[in-house]
Amino acid sequence: MGTARAGIAGEKARVNRLAMALAAYLVLGVLVWATIPDPRIRLLPLLVLAMFAFKTWIHRKDAGPVADGSNADGNQADVAGEVDS
C-alpha cells in the first residue's frame, strides 16, 4: 500500500513539475512578445522556447524511473540499471 502511494505521489510531483516548467516557458514567451518589437526578430526566441517546451513535454513522457525506483513497467531497477526479475 505504501509503494502505491509513493508511486501516485511521485507521478503527481512529476505532473506538477511539468506544469511549472510549461508555465515558466509561457511567461518567458510573454516577456519575449512584450519586449521585442520587431516580429521577424521576435519569432526566433519564440521558436526556441517552443522547442524547449516540446522537449520538456517529450522527456516527461519518456522519463524512466519514478520516485519509488520502479520503471514504467513496474519492475524495480537496481544500481547498475538492470531490471530485477
Foldseek 3Di string as FASTA:
>chain_A
DVVVVQQVVQLVVLVVVLVVLVVVLVVVLVVLVVPDDDPVVSVVVNVVSVVVNVVSVVCSVVPADTPVQAGPVGFHADPVRDTDD
